[in-house]
């Protein structure tokens, strides 16, 4: 077994039971599945705060190497943020390798559109929109936020978003050198010509006004923390300091979802950061 597998699998020993408990516990969060296409993965899961007193709308894309997962299996994240006072939408997307880029981005845009429509119809706040994602989901929402040409084609603008939260994201393909993540990226993009088009850091111009927070584990054996560091450095190259990176000591890759399961300094930090951007 490869050393990275031992480290990652070891971190998962306690993670799966914690997720199972989080999924099984009773909650007053209102969960609603809203489809936006014919494929089973094409839906969003709307999680409403129990008191219906929301600070903002958070659109969050789940991880899974672009080839696993769905909003329902990650609903503990939606519950977590809804209980913090955010209307939270978990966006689904078709999975690789059967579906390849840009199919996932088409679904992300469609999911955001139906989320905003659903919020408006239900009288939920959507004037402040935050974006978030973990692992592969971080890559997808970073493209959503930073591909300003595509935003313009879809009648949106980067200023529409109040903040961007990226956890363990493959944000700079040039430093994704581990052969496992390289294979995942290749399966995701399909045609090699698509690799640059799917690489988030290539869309950063350095004059962004969108606040961004990257969180990464310093022991991530799959997606090196240099992804978040180089991404933040490029955003801040103009000197505006719109982005920051928080490194979690001892954090691996998958186990950073514990940020949404239990109290920790980094969990409090990210919630406080989102609250500030929602004002």
C-alpha atoms as a PDB file:
ATOM      1  CA  UNK A   1       0.000   0.000   0.000  1.00  0.00           C
ATOM      2  CA  UNK A   2       1.280   3.466  -0.862  1.00  0.00           C
ATOM      3  CA  UNK A   3       2.268   5.755   1.994  1.00  0.00           C
ATOM      4  CA  UNK A   4      -0.399   8.317   1.037  1.00  0.00           C
ATOM      5  CA  UNK A   5      -3.060   5.604   1.189  1.00  0.00           C
ATOM      6  CA  UNK A   6      -2.002   4.587   4.689  1.00  0.00           C
ATOM      7  CA  UNK A   7      -2.169   8.207   5.875  1.00  0.00           C
ATOM      8  CA  UNK A   8      -5.490   8.913   4.205  1.00  0.00           C
ATOM      9  CA  UNK A   9      -7.163   5.643   5.174  1.00  0.00           C
ATOM     10  CA  UNK A  10      -5.938   6.059   8.721  1.00  0.00           C
ATOM     11  CA  UNK A  11      -7.638   9.442   8.949  1.00  0.00           C
ATOM     12  CA  UNK A  12     -10.894   7.861   7.724  1.00  0.00           C
ATOM     13  CA  UNK A  13     -11.131   5.321  10.560  1.00  0.00           C
ATOM     14  CA  UNK A  14     -12.880   7.818  12.818  1.00  0.00           C
ATOM     15  CA  UNK A  15     -14.421   9.876  10.034  1.00  0.00           C
ATOM     16  CA  UNK A  16     -17.006   7.408   8.721  1.00  0.00           C
ATOM     17  CA  UNK A  17     -18.634   6.785  12.137  1.00  0.00           C
ATOM     18  CA  UNK A  18     -18.786  10.533  12.728  1.00  0.00           C
ATOM     19  CA  UNK A  19     -20.503  11.097   9.392  1.00  0.00           C
ATOM     20  CA  UNK A  20     -22.929   8.253  10.086  1.00  0.00           C
ATOM     21  CA  UNK A  21     -23.875   9.820  13.407  1.00  0.00           C
ATOM     22  CA  UNK A  22     -24.289  13.245  11.776  1.00  0.00           C
ATOM     23  CA  UNK A  23     -26.552  11.807   9.067  1.00  0.00           C
ATOM     24  CA  UNK A  24     -28.650   9.823  11.542  1.00  0.00           C
ATOM     25  CA  UNK A  25     -29.245  12.525  14.107  1.00  0.00           C
ATOM     26  CA  UNK A  26     -32.576  14.325  14.219  1.00  0.00           C
ATOM     27  CA  UNK A  27     -32.592  17.857  12.928  1.00  0.00           C
ATOM     28  CA  UNK A  28     -35.090  20.660  12.433  1.00  0.00           C
ATOM     29  CA  UNK A  29     -33.398  21.742   9.219  1.00  0.00           C
ATOM     30  CA  UNK A  30     -35.896  21.642   6.338  1.00  0.00           C
ATOM     31  CA  UNK A  31     -34.451  19.627   3.434  1.00  0.00           C
ATOM     32  CA  UNK A  32     -35.894  19.755  -0.067  1.00  0.00           C
ATOM     33  CA  UNK A  33     -34.666  18.045  -3.230  1.00  0.00           C
ATOM     34  CA  UNK A  34     -35.063  20.225  -6.344  1.00  0.00           C
ATOM     35  CA  UNK A  35     -34.223  18.716  -9.774  1.00  0.00           C
ATOM     36  CA  UNK A  36     -32.858  20.796 -12.635  1.00  0.00           C
ATOM     37  CA  UNK A  37     -32.372  18.081 -15.256  1.00  0.00           C
ATOM     38  CA  UNK A  38     -33.323  14.516 -16.201  1.00  0.00           C
ATOM     39  CA  UNK A  39     -30.195  12.786 -14.868  1.00  0.00           C
ATOM     40  CA  UNK A  40     -30.367  11.470 -11.263  1.00  0.00           C
ATOM     41  CA  UNK A  41     -27.357  13.608 -10.295  1.00  0.00           C
ATOM     42  CA  UNK A  42     -28.933  16.795 -11.608  1.00  0.00           C
ATOM     43  CA  UNK A  43     -30.565  18.159  -8.488  1.00  0.00           C
ATOM     44  CA  UNK A  44     -29.841  20.456  -5.565  1.00  0.00           C
ATOM     45  CA  UNK A  45     -30.626  19.869  -1.916  1.00  0.00           C
ATOM     46  CA  UNK A  46     -32.057  22.980  -0.289  1.00  0.00           C
ATOM     47  CA  UNK A  47     -31.452  23.142   3.474  1.00  0.00           C
ATOM     48  CA  UNK A  48     -33.410  25.837   5.273  1.00  0.00           C
ATOM     49  CA  UNK A  49     -32.489  27.091   8.753  1.00  0.00           C
ATOM     50  CA  UNK A  50     -34.977  25.810  11.349  1.00  0.00           C
ATOM     51  CA  UNK A  51     -35.901  29.317  12.502  1.00  0.00           C
ATOM     52  CA  UNK A  52     -36.072  30.667   8.928  1.00  0.00           C
ATOM     53  CA  UNK A  53     -33.831  33.518  10.036  1.00  0.00           C
ATOM     54  CA  UNK A  54     -31.124  33.348   7.414  1.00  0.00           C
ATOM     55  CA  UNK A  55     -28.019  35.471   6.974  1.00  0.00           C
ATOM     56  CA  UNK A  56     -27.370  34.628   3.331  1.00  0.00           C
ATOM     57  CA  UNK A  57     -27.533  31.869   0.742  1.00  0.00           C
ATOM     58  CA  UNK A  58     -24.563  29.488   0.565  1.00  0.00           C
ATOM     59  CA  UNK A  59     -24.195  27.396  -2.598  1.00  0.00           C
ATOM     60  CA  UNK A  60     -21.881  24.465  -1.818  1.00  0.00           C
ATOM     61  CA  UNK A  61     -20.453  21.798  -4.162  1.00  0.00           C
ATOM     62  CA  UNK A  62     -19.475  18.434  -2.685  1.00  0.00           C
ATOM     63  CA  UNK A  63     -16.217  16.528  -3.232  1.00  0.00           C
ATOM     64  CA  UNK A  64     -15.512  12.986  -4.360  1.00  0.00           C
ATOM     65  CA  UNK A  65     -12.843  13.247  -7.046  1.00  0.00           C
ATOM     66  CA  UNK A  66     -15.474  14.345  -9.614  1.00  0.00           C
ATOM     67  CA  UNK A  67     -16.564  10.678  -9.727  1.00  0.00           C
ATOM     68  CA  UNK A  68     -18.365   9.993  -6.434  1.00  0.00           C
ATOM     69  CA  UNK A  69     -20.969  11.528  -4.182  1.00  0.00           C
ATOM     70  CA  UNK A  70     -24.216  13.462  -4.408  1.00  0.00           C
ATOM     71  CA  UNK A  71     -25.904  16.185  -2.365  1.00  0.00           C
ATOM     72  CA  UNK A  72     -27.864  13.675  -0.269  1.00  0.00           C
ATOM     73  CA  UNK A  73     -24.729  11.842   0.892  1.00  0.00           C
ATOM     74  CA  UNK A  74     -23.207  15.181   1.936  1.00  0.00           C
ATOM     75  CA  UNK A  75     -26.336  16.569   3.560  1.00  0.00           C
ATOM     76  CA  UNK A  76     -24.550  16.795   6.928  1.00  0.00           C
ATOM     77  CA  UNK A  77     -22.724  19.795   5.438  1.00  0.00           C
ATOM     78  CA  UNK A  78     -26.000  21.431   4.460  1.00  0.00           C
ATOM     79  CA  UNK A  79     -27.380  20.818   7.930  1.00  0.00           C
ATOM     80  CA  UNK A  80     -24.282  22.244   9.568  1.00  0.00           C
ATOM     81  CA  UNK A  81     -24.415  25.533   7.712  1.00  0.00           C
ATOM     82  CA  UNK A  82     -28.217  25.790   7.959  1.00  0.00           C
ATOM     83  CA  UNK A  83     -27.931  25.472  11.726  1.00  0.00           C
ATOM     84  CA  UNK A  84     -25.434  28.356  11.620  1.00  0.00           C
ATOM     85  CA  UNK A  85     -28.133  30.482   9.961  1.00  0.00           C
ATOM     86  CA  UNK A  86     -27.344  30.093   6.252  1.00  0.00           C
ATOM     87  CA  UNK A  87     -29.819  28.996   3.618  1.00  0.00           C
ATOM     88  CA  UNK A  88     -27.620  26.254   2.199  1.00  0.00           C
ATOM     89  CA  UNK A  89     -27.872  24.607  -1.190  1.00  0.00           C
ATOM     90  CA  UNK A  90     -25.822  21.516  -1.991  1.00  0.00           C
ATOM     91  CA  UNK A  91     -25.312  21.382  -5.738  1.00  0.00           C
ATOM     92  CA  UNK A  92     -25.301  18.077  -7.598  1.00  0.00           C
ATOM     93  CA  UNK A  93     -23.507  17.376 -10.863  1.00  0.00           C
ATOM     94  CA  UNK A  94     -22.981  14.495 -13.282  1.00  0.00           C
ATOM     95  CA  UNK A  95     -19.939  12.391 -12.502  1.00  0.00           C
ATOM     96  CA  UNK A  96     -16.763  11.412 -14.335  1.00  0.00           C
ATOM     97  CA  UNK A  97     -15.557   9.455 -16.157  1.00  0.00           C
ATOM     98  CA  UNK A  98     -18.869   8.898 -17.960  1.00  0.00           C
ATOM     99  CA  UNK A  99     -19.471  12.633 -18.007  1.00  0.00           C
ATOM    100  CA  UNK A 100     -16.501  14.904 -18.534  1.00  0.00           C
ATOM    101  CA  UNK A 101     -15.762  18.609 -18.329  1.00  0.00           C
ATOM    102  CA  UNK A 102     -17.573  20.892 -19.008  1.00  0.00           C
ATOM    103  CA  UNK A 103     -20.673  18.806 -18.118  1.00  0.00           C
ATOM    104  CA  UNK A 104     -20.044  19.368 -14.406  1.00  0.00           C
ATOM    105  CA  UNK A 105     -19.805  23.120 -14.844  1.00  0.00           C
ATOM    106  CA  UNK A 106     -23.016  23.165 -16.860  1.00  0.00           C
ATOM    107  CA  UNK A 107     -24.694  21.489 -13.900  1.00  0.00           C
ATOM    108  CA  UNK A 108     -23.127  23.885 -11.407  1.00  0.00           C
ATOM    109  CA  UNK A 109     -24.498  26.870 -13.300  1.00  0.00           C
ATOM    110  CA  UNK A 110     -27.904  25.218 -13.661  1.00  0.00           C
ATOM    111  CA  UNK A 111     -27.912  24.318  -9.971  1.00  0.00           C
ATOM    112  CA  UNK A 112     -27.128  27.883  -8.960  1.00  0.00           C
ATOM    113  CA  UNK A 113     -29.894  29.204 -11.192  1.00  0.00           C
ATOM    114  CA  UNK A 114     -32.549  26.867  -9.775  1.00  0.00           C
ATOM    115  CA  UNK A 115     -31.316  27.610  -6.245  1.00  0.00           C
ATOM    116  CA  UNK A 116     -31.793  31.336  -6.650  1.00  0.00           C
ATOM    117  CA  UNK A 117     -35.222  30.769  -8.169  1.00  0.00           C
ATOM    118  CA  UNK A 118     -36.243  28.440  -5.331  1.00  0.00           C
ATOM    119  CA  UNK A 119     -35.056  30.910  -2.699  1.00  0.00           C
ATOM    120  CA  UNK A 120     -37.044  33.704  -4.288  1.00  0.00           C
ATOM    121  CA  UNK A 121     -40.185  31.573  -4.530  1.00  0.00           C
ATOM    122  CA  UNK A 122     -39.924  30.590  -0.855  1.00  0.00           C
ATOM    123  CA  UNK A 123     -39.180  34.078   0.420  1.00  0.00           C
ATOM    124  CA  UNK A 124     -35.642  33.144   1.443  1.00  0.00           C
ATOM    125  CA  UNK A 125     -32.755  35.632   1.246  1.00  0.00           C
ATOM    126  CA  UNK A 126     -30.716  35.488  -1.937  1.00  0.00           C
ATOM    127  CA  UNK A 127     -29.344  39.019  -2.104  1.00  0.00           C
ATOM    128  CA  UNK A 128     -26.128  37.797  -0.450  1.00  0.00           C
ATOM    129  CA  UNK A 129     -24.739  34.704  -2.165  1.00  0.00           C
ATOM    130  CA  UNK A 130     -21.723  32.822  -0.846  1.00  0.00           C
ATOM    131  CA  UNK A 131     -19.965  30.003  -2.679  1.00  0.00           C
ATOM    132  CA  UNK A 132     -18.277  27.001  -1.121  1.00  0.00           C
ATOM    133  CA  UNK A 133     -16.832  23.652  -2.051  1.00  0.00           C
ATOM    134  CA  UNK A 134     -14.681  20.812  -0.803  1.00  0.00           C
ATOM    135  CA  UNK A 135     -12.066  18.940  -2.868  1.00  0.00           C
ATOM    136  CA  UNK A 136     -13.462  18.512  -6.410  1.00  0.00           C
ATOM    137  CA  UNK A 137     -16.343  20.783  -5.428  1.00  0.00           C
ATOM    138  CA  UNK A 138     -13.844  23.512  -4.551  1.00  0.00           C
ATOM    139  CA  UNK A 139     -12.414  23.275  -8.061  1.00  0.00           C
ATOM    140  CA  UNK A 140     -15.888  23.614  -9.583  1.00  0.00           C
ATOM    141  CA  UNK A 141     -17.062  26.624  -7.570  1.00  0.00           C
ATOM    142  CA  UNK A 142     -13.714  28.372  -8.080  1.00  0.00           C
ATOM    143  CA  UNK A 143     -14.313  28.131 -11.829  1.00  0.00           C
ATOM    144  CA  UNK A 144     -17.797  29.482 -11.266  1.00  0.00           C
ATOM    145  CA  UNK A 145     -16.378  32.445  -9.355  1.00  0.00           C
ATOM    146  CA  UNK A 146     -13.326  33.290 -11.459  1.00  0.00           C
ATOM    147  CA  UNK A 147     -14.317  32.567 -15.064  1.00  0.00           C
ATOM    148  CA  UNK A 148     -15.657  36.062 -15.534  1.00  0.00           C
ATOM    149  CA  UNK A 149     -16.174  35.683 -19.271  1.00  0.00           C
ATOM    150  CA  UNK A 150     -18.527  32.752 -18.709  1.00  0.00           C
ATOM    151  CA  UNK A 151     -20.301  34.622 -15.910  1.00  0.00           C
ATOM    152  CA  UNK A 152     -20.912  37.499 -18.294  1.00  0.00           C
ATOM    153  CA  UNK A 153     -22.276  35.136 -20.949  1.00  0.00           C
ATOM    154  CA  UNK A 154     -24.739  33.877 -18.378  1.00  0.00           C
ATOM    155  CA  UNK A 155     -25.821  37.326 -17.271  1.00  0.00           C
ATOM    156  CA  UNK A 156     -23.883  37.302 -13.996  1.00  0.00           C
ATOM    157  CA  UNK A 157     -20.965  39.215 -12.558  1.00  0.00           C
ATOM    158  CA  UNK A 158     -18.315  38.279 -10.011  1.00  0.00           C
ATOM    159  CA  UNK A 159     -19.573  41.070  -7.757  1.00  0.00           C
ATOM    160  CA  UNK A 160     -22.800  39.069  -7.378  1.00  0.00           C
ATOM    161  CA  UNK A 161     -20.968  36.815  -4.889  1.00  0.00           C
ATOM    162  CA  UNK A 162     -20.089  37.908  -1.371  1.00  0.00           C
ATOM    163  CA  UNK A 163     -17.407  35.330  -0.592  1.00  0.00           C
ATOM    164  CA  UNK A 164     -15.794  32.068  -1.650  1.00  0.00           C
ATOM    165  CA  UNK A 165     -14.888  29.183   0.696  1.00  0.00           C
ATOM    166  CA  UNK A 166     -12.557  26.505  -0.710  1.00  0.00           C
ATOM    167  CA  UNK A 167     -11.590  23.422   1.323  1.00  0.00           C
ATOM    168  CA  UNK A 168      -8.823  21.036   0.154  1.00  0.00           C
ATOM    169  CA  UNK A 169      -9.253  22.159  -3.427  1.00  0.00           C
ATOM    170  CA  UNK A 170      -7.229  21.140  -6.499  1.00  0.00           C
ATOM    171  CA  UNK A 171      -6.895  24.762  -7.551  1.00  0.00           C
ATOM    172  CA  UNK A 172      -3.592  24.693  -9.420  1.00  0.00           C
ATOM    173  CA  UNK A 173      -3.195  21.651 -11.651  1.00  0.00           C
ATOM    174  CA  UNK A 174       0.521  22.356 -12.094  1.00  0.00           C
ATOM    175  CA  UNK A 175       1.135  21.284  -8.488  1.00  0.00           C
ATOM    176  CA  UNK A 176      -1.250  18.306  -8.599  1.00  0.00           C
ATOM    177  CA  UNK A 177       1.615  15.891  -9.182  1.00  0.00           C
ATOM    178  CA  UNK A 178       0.523  12.785  -7.285  1.00  0.00           C
ATOM    179  CA  UNK A 179      -0.335  10.103  -9.830  1.00  0.00           C
ATOM    180  CA  UNK A 180      -3.714   9.362  -8.218  1.00  0.00           C
ATOM    181  CA  UNK A 181      -4.951  12.935  -8.410  1.00  0.00           C
ATOM    182  CA  UNK A 182      -3.386  13.257 -11.875  1.00  0.00           C
ATOM    183  CA  UNK A 183      -5.501  10.309 -13.025  1.00  0.00           C
ATOM    184  CA  UNK A 184      -8.609  11.803 -11.426  1.00  0.00           C
ATOM    185  CA  UNK A 185      -7.990  15.103 -13.214  1.00  0.00           C
ATOM    186  CA  UNK A 186      -7.423  13.322 -16.537  1.00  0.00           C
ATOM    187  CA  UNK A 187     -10.639  11.311 -16.147  1.00  0.00           C
ATOM    188  CA  UNK A 188     -12.472  14.522 -15.321  1.00  0.00           C
ATOM    189  CA  UNK A 189     -11.226  16.661 -18.214  1.00  0.00           C
ATOM    190  CA  UNK A 190     -11.198  13.874 -20.835  1.00  0.00           C
ATOM    191  CA  UNK A 191      -9.664  15.653 -23.798  1.00  0.00           C
ATOM    192  CA  UNK A 192      -6.183  16.926 -22.773  1.00  0.00           C
ATOM    193  CA  UNK A 193      -7.075  20.213 -24.460  1.00  0.00           C
ATOM    194  CA  UNK A 194      -9.629  20.740 -21.690  1.00  0.00           C
ATOM    195  CA  UNK A 195      -7.091  20.612 -18.869  1.00  0.00           C
ATOM    196  CA  UNK A 196      -6.112  24.272 -19.054  1.00  0.00           C
ATOM    197  CA  UNK A 197      -9.762  25.258 -19.414  1.00  0.00           C
ATOM    198  CA  UNK A 198     -10.593  23.428 -16.172  1.00  0.00           C
ATOM    199  CA  UNK A 199      -7.605  24.732 -14.187  1.00  0.00           C
ATOM    200  CA  UNK A 200      -8.920  27.342 -11.717  1.00  0.00           C
ATOM    201  CA  UNK A 201      -5.688  29.288 -11.250  1.00  0.00           C
ATOM    202  CA  UNK A 202      -5.614  30.168 -14.953  1.00  0.00           C
ATOM    203  CA  UNK A 203      -8.729  32.301 -14.499  1.00  0.00           C
ATOM    204  CA  UNK A 204      -7.282  34.448 -11.717  1.00  0.00           C
ATOM    205  CA  UNK A 205      -6.396  37.872 -13.101  1.00  0.00           C
ATOM    206  CA  UNK A 206      -5.092  39.368  -9.880  1.00  0.00           C
ATOM    207  CA  UNK A 207      -7.558  42.254  -9.754  1.00  0.00           C
ATOM    208  CA  UNK A 208     -10.394  40.310  -8.108  1.00  0.00           C
ATOM    209  CA  UNK A 209     -12.578  42.007  -5.522  1.00  0.00           C
ATOM    210  CA  UNK A 210     -14.121  38.726  -4.324  1.00  0.00           C
ATOM    211  CA  UNK A 211     -12.993  37.696  -0.809  1.00  0.00           C
ATOM    212  CA  UNK A 212     -11.784  34.087  -0.709  1.00  0.00           C
ATOM    213  CA  UNK A 213     -10.818  31.724   2.096  1.00  0.00           C
ATOM    214  CA  UNK A 214      -8.845  28.566   1.347  1.00  0.00           C
ATOM    215  CA  UNK A 215      -8.515  25.883   4.026  1.00  0.00           C
ATOM    216  CA  UNK A 216      -6.082  23.013   3.569  1.00  0.00           C
ATOM    217  CA  UNK A 217      -4.464  20.314   5.661  1.00  0.00           C
ATOM    218  CA  UNK A 218      -0.688  20.390   5.901  1.00  0.00           C
ATOM    219  CA  UNK A 219      -0.602  16.568   5.729  1.00  0.00           C
ATOM    220  CA  UNK A 220      -2.888  16.252   2.696  1.00  0.00           C
ATOM    221  CA  UNK A 221      -1.362  13.293   0.821  1.00  0.00           C
ATOM    222  CA  UNK A 222      -3.522  13.661  -2.280  1.00  0.00           C
ATOM    223  CA  UNK A 223      -3.959  17.369  -3.045  1.00  0.00           C
ATOM    224  CA  UNK A 224      -0.918  19.199  -1.747  1.00  0.00           C
ATOM    225  CA  UNK A 225      -1.505  22.336   0.323  1.00  0.00           C
ATOM    226  CA  UNK A 226       0.547  24.207  -2.267  1.00  0.00           C
ATOM    227  CA  UNK A 227      -2.666  24.268  -4.332  1.00  0.00           C
ATOM    228  CA  UNK A 228      -4.300  26.663  -1.891  1.00  0.00           C
ATOM    229  CA  UNK A 229      -1.110  28.597  -1.226  1.00  0.00           C
ATOM    230  CA  UNK A 230      -0.288  29.305  -4.888  1.00  0.00           C
ATOM    231  CA  UNK A 231      -3.946  30.104  -5.633  1.00  0.00           C
ATOM    232  CA  UNK A 232      -4.136  32.668  -2.835  1.00  0.00           C
ATOM    233  CA  UNK A 233      -0.785  34.173  -3.792  1.00  0.00           C
ATOM    234  CA  UNK A 234      -1.953  34.765  -7.351  1.00  0.00           C
ATOM    235  CA  UNK A 235      -5.207  36.357  -6.189  1.00  0.00           C
ATOM    236  CA  UNK A 236      -3.242  38.708  -3.923  1.00  0.00           C
ATOM    237  CA  UNK A 237      -0.567  39.613  -6.464  1.00  0.00           C
ATOM    238  CA  UNK A 238      -2.099  43.057  -6.959  1.00  0.00           C
ATOM    239  CA  UNK A 239      -1.615  43.791  -3.264  1.00  0.00           C
ATOM    240  CA  UNK A 240      -5.335  43.939  -2.444  1.00  0.00           C
ATOM    241  CA  UNK A 241      -5.134  40.872  -0.155  1.00  0.00           C
ATOM    242  CA  UNK A 242      -8.598  39.623  -1.094  1.00  0.00           C
ATOM    243  CA  UNK A 243      -7.745  36.006  -0.261  1.00  0.00           C
ATOM    244  CA  UNK A 244      -6.291  34.155   2.687  1.00  0.00           C
ATOM    245  CA  UNK A 245      -5.230  30.591   3.382  1.00  0.00           C
ATOM    246  CA  UNK A 246      -5.620  28.734   6.653  1.00  0.00           C
ATOM    247  CA  UNK A 247      -3.496  25.618   7.075  1.00  0.00           C
ATOM    248  CA  UNK A 248      -4.863  22.954   9.428  1.00  0.00           C
ATOM    249  CA  UNK A 249      -2.023  21.224  11.254  1.00  0.00           C
ATOM    250  CA  UNK A 250      -2.234  17.440  10.962  1.00  0.00           C
ATOM    251  CA  UNK A 251      -5.089  17.706   8.455  1.00  0.00           C
ATOM    252  CA  UNK A 252      -5.247  15.160   5.647  1.00  0.00           C
ATOM    253  CA  UNK A 253      -7.593  15.365   2.663  1.00  0.00           C
ATOM    254  CA  UNK A 254     -10.973  13.798   3.373  1.00  0.00           C
ATOM    255  CA  UNK A 255     -10.853  14.364   7.119  1.00  0.00           C
ATOM    256  CA  UNK A 256     -11.242  18.126   6.702  1.00  0.00           C
ATOM    257  CA  UNK A 257     -14.983  17.491   6.384  1.00  0.00           C
ATOM    258  CA  UNK A 258     -14.798  17.281  10.193  1.00  0.00           C
ATOM    259  CA  UNK A 259     -14.945  21.063   9.957  1.00  0.00           C
ATOM    260  CA  UNK A 260     -18.660  20.503   9.372  1.00  0.00           C
ATOM    261  CA  UNK A 261     -19.095  17.886  12.095  1.00  0.00           C
ATOM    262  CA  UNK A 262     -17.593  19.220  15.281  1.00  0.00           C
ATOM    263  CA  UNK A 263     -16.349  22.342  16.965  1.00  0.00           C
ATOM    264  CA  UNK A 264     -12.758  23.264  16.185  1.00  0.00           C
ATOM    265  CA  UNK A 265     -10.766  26.504  15.883  1.00  0.00           C
ATOM    266  CA  UNK A 266     -10.801  26.225  12.080  1.00  0.00           C
ATOM    267  CA  UNK A 267     -14.546  25.486  12.015  1.00  0.00           C
ATOM    268  CA  UNK A 268     -15.281  28.571  14.110  1.00  0.00           C
ATOM    269  CA  UNK A 269     -12.939  30.600  11.944  1.00  0.00           C
ATOM    270  CA  UNK A 270     -14.699  29.670   8.698  1.00  0.00           C
ATOM    271  CA  UNK A 271     -18.181  30.310  10.118  1.00  0.00           C
ATOM    272  CA  UNK A 272     -17.102  33.686  11.501  1.00  0.00           C
ATOM    273  CA  UNK A 273     -15.568  34.500   8.122  1.00  0.00           C
ATOM    274  CA  UNK A 274     -18.776  33.605   6.281  1.00  0.00           C
ATOM    275  CA  UNK A 275     -20.858  35.585   8.762  1.00  0.00           C
ATOM    276  CA  UNK A 276     -18.689  38.624   8.162  1.00  0.00           C
ATOM    277  CA  UNK A 277     -19.059  38.352   4.382  1.00  0.00           C
ATOM    278  CA  UNK A 278     -22.821  37.912   4.710  1.00  0.00           C
ATOM    279  CA  UNK A 279     -23.292  41.259   6.423  1.00  0.00           C
END
